[in-house]
Amino acid sequence: MRLLALGGTEFAGRAVVEAALARDWEVTVFHRGRHAAPDGVRELLGDRTAVDGLAALDEDPGTWDVVVDTWSSAPRVVRDAARLLRDRAGRYAYVSSRSVYAWAPPAGYAEDAPVVDGASPDAGATDYARDKRGGELAAVAAFGADRSLLVRSGLLIGPYENVGRLPWWLNRVARGGPVLAPGPRELPLQYVDVRDQAEWILDAAERELSGPYNLTSPSGHTTMGALLEACVRVTGGPAELRWTAPEVVLGAGVEPWTQLPVWVPPHSDLHDALHAADVSRAVASGLRCRPVAETVADTWAWLREIGGTAPQRTDRTAVGLDPEAEAKVLAAASGV
């Protein structure tokens, strides 16, 4: 199989490239040159946002079985690449997001749930949901419904994470001391290890799957308790998880998802949207999700290899709760 990765040097794209190389696929990576590509790929350089930014790709004689595109901003960037490649590639896999669903999707929503209005394949950058939906429309417009694969990712974690959610928890737990653990402990979570997503994308390409897939684990594949307890085990620090009721956390003004990454309160629109989607279509098509302990351990090993500080995407807000704010919540929870 021949793969063209648009990007392919960071997080989701990098995981796809590494998985393809492990399968002995021929891999071409088209990127801006800001990050080193994995060894063993053929590189083409260009900035998709610039005038003539696709020149190197346009002039290259290559053809591919599948293109994987992880673009997250202006849909017209996806449009231009997909139009250029529609006669040179068999399939276009666009890594989208479950954010494309109209707010607020009910618990158990599947791929046929309503999507956001106002998205266009010709648009510049607007907001994340419409940008991703516009990217989907661009892929389908160029390749057709039968040759486009829409990977609607959920919470994505694992090695090379450049958003900061799991790295923040690992570093916080490694510091030790009392750790604000937002409850309930048994809160069901949905996420997908970036490597499991990558393997599924490659399998889907081989099987010529098409259409949208909610690509994340079944709800409850892990829990908030299991995730944080895995962080305690792998870091080996003297951390003490202080489980705190959701109403106390929210009453202190802490923002779910951003200040306390991954966590959102139970029985909320956020929890239904982020941790309660129907993923039966992806599971039936072969999605396999490794245990949370493995994801946590491998992410911690990677963090230590790079000195403890994870890369941070410039287009995403930094996550995490500062120590002073955490201490105030813990004090309020204990009645001090």
Protein backbone atom coordinates (compact mmCIF):
# COMPACT_ATOMS: atom_id res chain seq x y z
CA MET A 1 0.00 0.00 0.00
CA ARG A 2 1.11 3.54 -0.74
CA LEU A 3 0.24 6.29 1.76
CA LEU A 4 0.39 10.05 1.40
CA ALA A 5 0.23 11.82 4.76
CA LEU A 6 -0.61 15.51 4.64
CA GLY A 7 1.23 16.56 7.78
CA GLY A 8 2.48 13.35 9.30
CA THR A 9 5.06 14.76 11.70
CA GLU A 10 2.95 15.44 14.82
CA PHE A 11 0.58 13.44 17.04
CA ALA A 12 -2.29 11.96 14.98
CA GLY A 13 -0.53 12.20 11.63
CA ARG A 14 2.74 10.89 13.01
CA ALA A 15 1.00 7.88 14.54
CA VAL A 16 -0.49 7.03 11.12
CA VAL A 17 2.91 7.34 9.45
CA GLU A 18 4.67 5.18 12.04
CA ALA A 19 1.95 2.52 11.84
CA ALA A 20 2.19 2.47 8.05
CA LEU A 21 5.98 2.12 8.14
CA ALA A 22 5.60 -0.79 10.57
CA ARG A 23 3.42 -2.46 7.92
CA ASP A 24 6.10 -1.85 5.26
CA TRP A 25 3.90 0.56 3.34
CA GLU A 26 5.47 3.11 1.02
CA VAL A 27 4.99 6.44 2.77
CA THR A 28 5.20 9.97 1.43
CA VAL A 29 4.90 12.88 3.86
CA PHE A 30 3.95 16.36 2.66
CA HIS A 31 4.69 18.93 5.37
CA ARG A 32 6.09 22.37 6.09
CA GLY A 33 9.41 21.18 7.46
CA ARG A 34 8.86 22.53 10.97
CA HIS A 35 9.23 19.10 12.56
CA ALA A 36 11.35 16.14 11.58
CA ALA A 37 9.52 13.40 9.72
CA PRO A 38 10.00 9.79 10.84
CA ASP A 39 12.86 7.90 9.23
CA GLY A 40 11.96 5.87 6.19
CA VAL A 41 9.53 8.26 4.48
CA ARG A 42 9.79 10.22 1.26
CA GLU A 43 9.36 13.92 1.97
CA LEU A 44 7.72 16.70 0.00
CA LEU A 45 7.84 20.21 1.45
CA GLY A 46 5.24 22.95 1.16
CA ASP A 47 2.92 25.22 3.14
CA ARG A 48 -0.69 24.45 2.28
CA THR A 49 -1.79 27.94 3.32
CA ALA A 50 0.60 29.76 0.99
CA VAL A 51 0.13 30.74 -2.64
CA ASP A 52 1.47 27.83 -4.70
CA GLY A 53 1.97 25.98 -1.42
CA LEU A 54 1.02 22.68 -3.06
CA ALA A 55 3.55 23.05 -5.87
CA ALA A 56 5.82 20.25 -4.69
CA LEU A 57 2.85 17.91 -4.50
CA ASP A 58 1.48 19.06 -7.84
CA GLU A 59 4.80 18.50 -9.59
CA ASP A 60 5.42 15.11 -7.99
CA PRO A 61 4.45 12.15 -10.22
CA GLY A 62 3.38 9.95 -7.32
CA THR A 63 0.09 8.12 -6.92
CA TRP A 64 -1.25 6.69 -3.71
CA ASP A 65 -3.76 4.19 -2.40
CA VAL A 66 -4.83 6.49 0.41
CA VAL A 67 -4.34 10.07 1.55
CA VAL A 68 -4.62 10.84 5.27
CA ASP A 69 -5.31 14.48 6.14
CA THR A 70 -5.49 15.82 9.71
CA TRP A 71 -6.02 19.53 8.87
CA SER A 72 -7.93 21.48 11.53
CA SER A 73 -8.39 25.01 10.20
CA ALA A 74 -9.72 26.61 6.98
CA PRO A 75 -11.70 24.01 4.99
CA ARG A 76 -10.54 25.47 1.68
CA VAL A 77 -7.08 24.04 2.46
CA VAL A 78 -8.59 20.55 2.47
CA ARG A 79 -10.57 21.43 -0.67
CA ASP A 80 -7.46 22.43 -2.61
CA ALA A 81 -5.50 19.33 -1.65
CA ALA A 82 -8.39 16.96 -2.28
CA ARG A 83 -9.09 18.46 -5.71
CA LEU A 84 -5.43 18.12 -6.64
CA LEU A 85 -5.29 14.48 -5.57
CA ARG A 86 -8.67 13.08 -6.60
CA ASP A 87 -7.27 11.45 -9.76
CA ARG A 88 -4.03 10.36 -8.12
CA ALA A 89 -5.26 8.60 -4.97
CA GLY A 90 -7.75 5.85 -4.33
CA ARG A 91 -9.19 7.13 -1.07
CA TYR A 92 -9.15 10.26 1.10
CA ALA A 93 -9.23 9.74 4.86
CA TYR A 94 -9.98 12.99 6.65
CA VAL A 95 -9.39 13.01 10.40
CA SER A 96 -12.33 15.05 11.61
CA SER A 97 -13.92 15.38 15.05
CA ARG A 98 -17.09 14.59 16.93
CA SER A 99 -17.30 18.37 17.35
CA VAL A 100 -19.05 18.43 13.96
CA TYR A 101 -22.34 17.39 15.62
CA ALA A 102 -24.88 20.10 16.39
CA TRP A 103 -24.87 21.09 20.05
CA ALA A 104 -25.87 19.46 22.27
CA PRO A 105 -25.88 15.89 20.98
CA PRO A 106 -27.78 13.51 23.28
CA ALA A 107 -26.12 10.54 24.97
CA GLY A 108 -25.93 7.65 22.53
CA TYR A 109 -25.73 9.78 19.40
CA ALA A 110 -24.49 7.99 16.29
CA GLU A 111 -23.10 9.07 12.93
CA ASP A 112 -26.55 10.08 11.67
CA ALA A 113 -26.97 12.78 14.35
CA PRO A 114 -27.45 16.35 13.05
CA VAL A 115 -24.26 18.25 12.24
CA VAL A 116 -23.48 21.95 12.62
CA ASP A 117 -25.00 24.45 10.21
CA GLY A 118 -23.06 26.96 8.19
CA ALA A 119 -20.04 24.88 7.22
CA SER A 120 -18.60 25.23 3.72
CA PRO A 121 -15.74 23.49 1.90
CA ASP A 122 -14.76 26.89 0.49
CA ALA A 123 -14.52 28.73 3.80
CA GLY A 124 -11.57 30.27 5.53
CA ALA A 125 -11.00 29.57 9.21
CA THR A 126 -14.11 30.06 11.36
CA ASP A 127 -14.53 27.89 14.45
CA TYR A 128 -13.33 24.36 15.14
CA ALA A 129 -16.65 22.60 14.59
CA ARG A 130 -17.42 24.31 11.28
CA ASP A 131 -13.83 24.03 10.12
CA LYS A 132 -13.87 20.28 10.64
CA ARG A 133 -17.29 19.89 9.05
CA GLY A 134 -16.16 22.01 6.12
CA GLY A 135 -13.13 19.75 5.77
CA GLU A 136 -15.44 16.75 5.61
CA LEU A 137 -17.52 18.40 2.89
CA ALA A 138 -14.37 19.22 0.93
CA ALA A 139 -13.15 15.62 1.04
CA VAL A 140 -16.51 14.24 -0.06
CA ALA A 141 -16.91 16.84 -2.82
CA ALA A 142 -13.58 15.85 -4.38
CA PHE A 143 -13.53 12.09 -3.83
CA GLY A 144 -17.20 11.25 -3.59
CA ALA A 145 -18.99 9.49 -0.76
CA ASP A 146 -17.67 6.10 -1.84
CA ARG A 147 -13.98 7.10 -1.72
CA SER A 148 -13.89 9.38 1.33
CA LEU A 149 -13.49 8.24 4.94
CA LEU A 150 -14.49 10.65 7.72
CA VAL A 151 -12.76 9.80 10.99
CA ARG A 152 -14.70 11.63 13.70
CA SER A 153 -12.21 11.45 16.54
CA GLY A 154 -13.11 11.86 20.14
CA LEU A 155 -10.67 12.56 22.97
CA LEU A 156 -7.28 11.60 21.55
CA ILE A 157 -4.39 10.74 23.89
CA GLY A 158 -1.12 8.84 23.80
CA PRO A 159 2.55 9.45 22.97
CA TYR A 160 3.39 12.66 21.07
CA GLU A 161 0.28 14.41 22.41
CA ASN A 162 0.52 18.12 21.58
CA VAL A 163 -2.67 19.31 23.27
CA GLY A 164 -1.52 18.60 26.81
CA ARG A 165 -4.35 16.74 28.51
CA LEU A 166 -2.76 13.47 29.61
CA PRO A 167 0.72 15.05 29.92
CA TRP A 168 -0.70 17.58 32.37
CA TRP A 169 -2.20 14.89 34.58
CA LEU A 170 1.00 12.85 34.50
CA ASN A 171 3.18 15.79 35.47
CA ARG A 172 0.73 16.92 38.14
CA VAL A 173 0.60 13.48 39.73
CA ALA A 174 4.39 13.15 39.49
CA ARG A 175 4.77 16.31 41.60
CA GLY A 176 3.08 14.44 44.43
CA GLY A 177 1.11 15.71 47.38
CA PRO A 178 -2.68 15.99 47.54
CA VAL A 179 -4.11 15.93 44.00
CA LEU A 180 -7.56 17.30 43.21
CA ALA A 181 -9.31 14.30 41.66
CA PRO A 182 -12.68 15.36 40.24
CA GLY A 183 -15.39 12.84 40.87
CA PRO A 184 -17.15 10.66 40.72
CA ARG A 185 -14.39 8.09 40.64
CA GLU A 186 -16.50 5.76 38.46
CA LEU A 187 -17.24 8.47 35.86
CA PRO A 188 -17.21 6.70 32.45
CA LEU A 189 -14.84 8.11 29.85
CA GLN A 190 -14.43 7.80 26.09
CA TYR A 191 -11.08 8.31 24.42
CA VAL A 192 -8.90 6.65 21.82
CA ASP A 193 -5.17 6.01 21.95
CA VAL A 194 -3.70 7.78 18.93
CA ARG A 195 -1.98 4.54 17.89
CA ASP A 196 -5.25 2.58 17.95
CA GLN A 197 -6.83 5.26 15.79
CA ALA A 198 -3.92 5.03 13.36
CA GLU A 199 -4.21 1.25 13.05
CA TRP A 200 -7.94 1.53 12.44
CA ILE A 201 -7.43 4.13 9.70
CA LEU A 202 -4.95 1.89 7.89
CA ASP A 203 -7.22 -1.15 8.26
CA ALA A 204 -10.14 0.92 6.93
CA ALA A 205 -8.07 2.00 3.94
CA GLU A 206 -7.16 -1.59 3.14
CA ARG A 207 -10.81 -2.60 3.38
CA GLU A 208 -11.93 0.43 1.35
CA LEU A 209 -14.34 1.67 4.01
CA SER A 210 -16.08 4.99 3.47
CA GLY A 211 -18.39 7.40 5.25
CA PRO A 212 -18.34 8.78 8.79
CA TYR A 213 -17.25 6.86 11.88
CA ASN A 214 -17.31 7.97 15.52
CA LEU A 215 -13.76 6.92 16.30
CA THR A 216 -13.28 6.53 20.03
CA SER A 217 -13.62 3.82 22.66
CA PRO A 218 -16.95 2.60 23.97
CA SER A 219 -18.16 4.71 26.88
CA GLY A 220 -16.71 3.31 30.07
CA HIS A 221 -13.69 1.71 28.40
CA THR A 222 -12.07 3.42 31.35
CA THR A 223 -13.15 5.66 34.20
CA MET A 224 -11.78 8.82 35.75
CA GLY A 225 -10.61 6.71 38.66
CA ALA A 226 -8.79 4.17 36.53
CA LEU A 227 -7.11 6.91 34.50
CA LEU A 228 -5.76 8.84 37.48
CA GLU A 229 -4.82 5.70 39.40
CA ALA A 230 -2.80 4.58 36.38
CA CYS A 231 -1.02 7.95 36.47
CA VAL A 232 -0.14 7.39 40.14
CA ARG A 233 1.24 3.92 39.44
CA VAL A 234 3.44 4.81 36.47
CA THR A 235 4.90 8.01 37.91
CA GLY A 236 5.72 6.35 41.22
CA GLY A 237 5.40 9.62 43.11
CA PRO A 238 3.88 10.19 46.55
CA ALA A 239 0.63 11.55 45.15
CA GLU A 240 -2.61 11.26 47.10
CA LEU A 241 -5.77 11.45 45.00
CA ARG A 242 -8.37 13.53 46.83
CA TRP A 243 -11.69 12.61 45.23
CA THR A 244 -13.91 15.66 45.23
CA ALA A 245 -17.61 15.90 44.41
CA PRO A 246 -18.46 17.56 41.10
CA GLU A 247 -20.59 20.24 42.77
CA VAL A 248 -17.60 21.30 44.89
CA VAL A 249 -15.33 21.50 41.86
CA LEU A 250 -17.84 23.49 39.85
CA GLY A 251 -18.73 25.68 42.81
CA ALA A 252 -15.11 26.75 43.02
CA GLY A 253 -15.29 28.06 39.46
CA VAL A 254 -13.06 25.38 37.96
CA GLU A 255 -13.63 24.92 34.22
CA PRO A 256 -14.27 21.30 33.20
CA TRP A 257 -12.23 19.90 30.30
CA THR A 258 -9.73 22.77 30.22
CA GLN A 259 -8.58 23.40 33.80
CA LEU A 260 -9.15 19.75 34.70
CA PRO A 261 -8.40 18.00 31.39
CA VAL A 262 -10.55 15.02 30.32
CA TRP A 263 -13.03 15.55 33.18
CA VAL A 264 -16.52 16.92 32.67
CA PRO A 265 -19.34 16.64 35.21
CA PRO A 266 -21.70 13.66 35.01
CA HIS A 267 -25.23 14.08 33.66
CA SER A 268 -24.21 17.20 31.72
CA ASP A 269 -24.38 18.14 28.06
CA LEU A 270 -20.58 18.07 28.02
CA HIS A 271 -20.46 14.51 29.31
CA ASP A 272 -23.07 13.34 26.81
CA ALA A 273 -21.14 14.97 23.96
CA LEU A 274 -17.63 13.94 24.96
CA HIS A 275 -18.02 10.62 26.73
CA ALA A 276 -21.32 9.04 25.66
CA ALA A 277 -21.34 8.66 21.87
CA ASP A 278 -22.46 5.48 20.10
CA VAL A 279 -19.32 3.94 18.59
CA SER A 280 -20.81 0.60 17.60
CA ARG A 281 -20.09 1.23 13.90
CA ALA A 282 -16.36 1.68 14.55
CA VAL A 283 -16.21 -1.30 16.89
CA ALA A 284 -18.04 -3.52 14.38
CA SER A 285 -15.54 -2.44 11.72
CA GLY A 286 -12.58 -3.56 13.82
CA LEU A 287 -11.65 -0.78 16.25
CA ARG A 288 -9.54 -2.24 19.06
CA CYS A 289 -8.69 -0.16 22.12
CA ARG A 290 -5.75 -1.01 24.33
CA PRO A 291 -6.03 -0.79 28.15
CA VAL A 292 -5.74 2.66 29.67
CA ALA A 293 -2.76 1.51 31.76
CA GLU A 294 -0.77 0.89 28.58
CA THR A 295 -1.61 4.30 27.12
CA VAL A 296 -0.67 6.04 30.36
CA ALA A 297 2.58 4.12 30.78
CA ASP A 298 3.72 4.71 27.20
CA THR A 299 2.87 8.41 27.38
CA TRP A 300 4.84 8.76 30.60
CA ALA A 301 7.82 6.96 29.05
CA TRP A 302 7.71 9.34 26.08
CA LEU A 303 7.43 12.38 28.36
CA ARG A 304 10.52 11.33 30.27
CA GLU A 305 12.43 10.80 27.04
CA ILE A 306 11.79 14.40 25.98
CA GLY A 307 12.50 15.95 29.38
CA GLY A 308 8.99 16.13 30.79
CA THR A 309 7.59 19.02 28.76
CA ALA A 310 5.13 18.03 26.04
CA PRO A 311 4.91 20.06 22.81
CA GLN A 312 1.97 22.44 22.66
CA ARG A 313 -0.03 23.31 19.56
CA THR A 314 -0.16 27.06 19.11
CA ASP A 315 -3.79 26.93 17.97
CA ARG A 316 -5.02 25.26 21.16
CA THR A 317 -5.52 26.78 24.59
CA ALA A 318 -3.15 25.50 27.25
CA VAL A 319 -4.84 23.21 29.77
CA GLY A 320 -4.43 22.64 33.47
CA LEU A 321 -5.16 24.07 36.91
CA ASP A 322 -2.54 26.19 38.66
CA PRO A 323 -1.38 25.01 42.11
CA GLU A 324 -2.91 27.93 44.01
CA ALA A 325 -6.36 27.34 42.54
CA GLU A 326 -6.06 23.61 43.22
CA ALA A 327 -5.11 24.24 46.84
CA LYS A 328 -8.17 26.46 47.33
CA VAL A 329 -10.52 23.79 46.00
CA LEU A 330 -8.92 21.14 48.19
CA ALA A 331 -9.23 23.38 51.23
CA ALA A 332 -12.90 24.05 50.47
CA ALA A 333 -13.55 20.34 50.03
CA SER A 334 -12.00 19.52 53.40
CA GLY A 335 -13.72 22.39 55.18
CA VAL A 336 -10.45 24.07 56.10
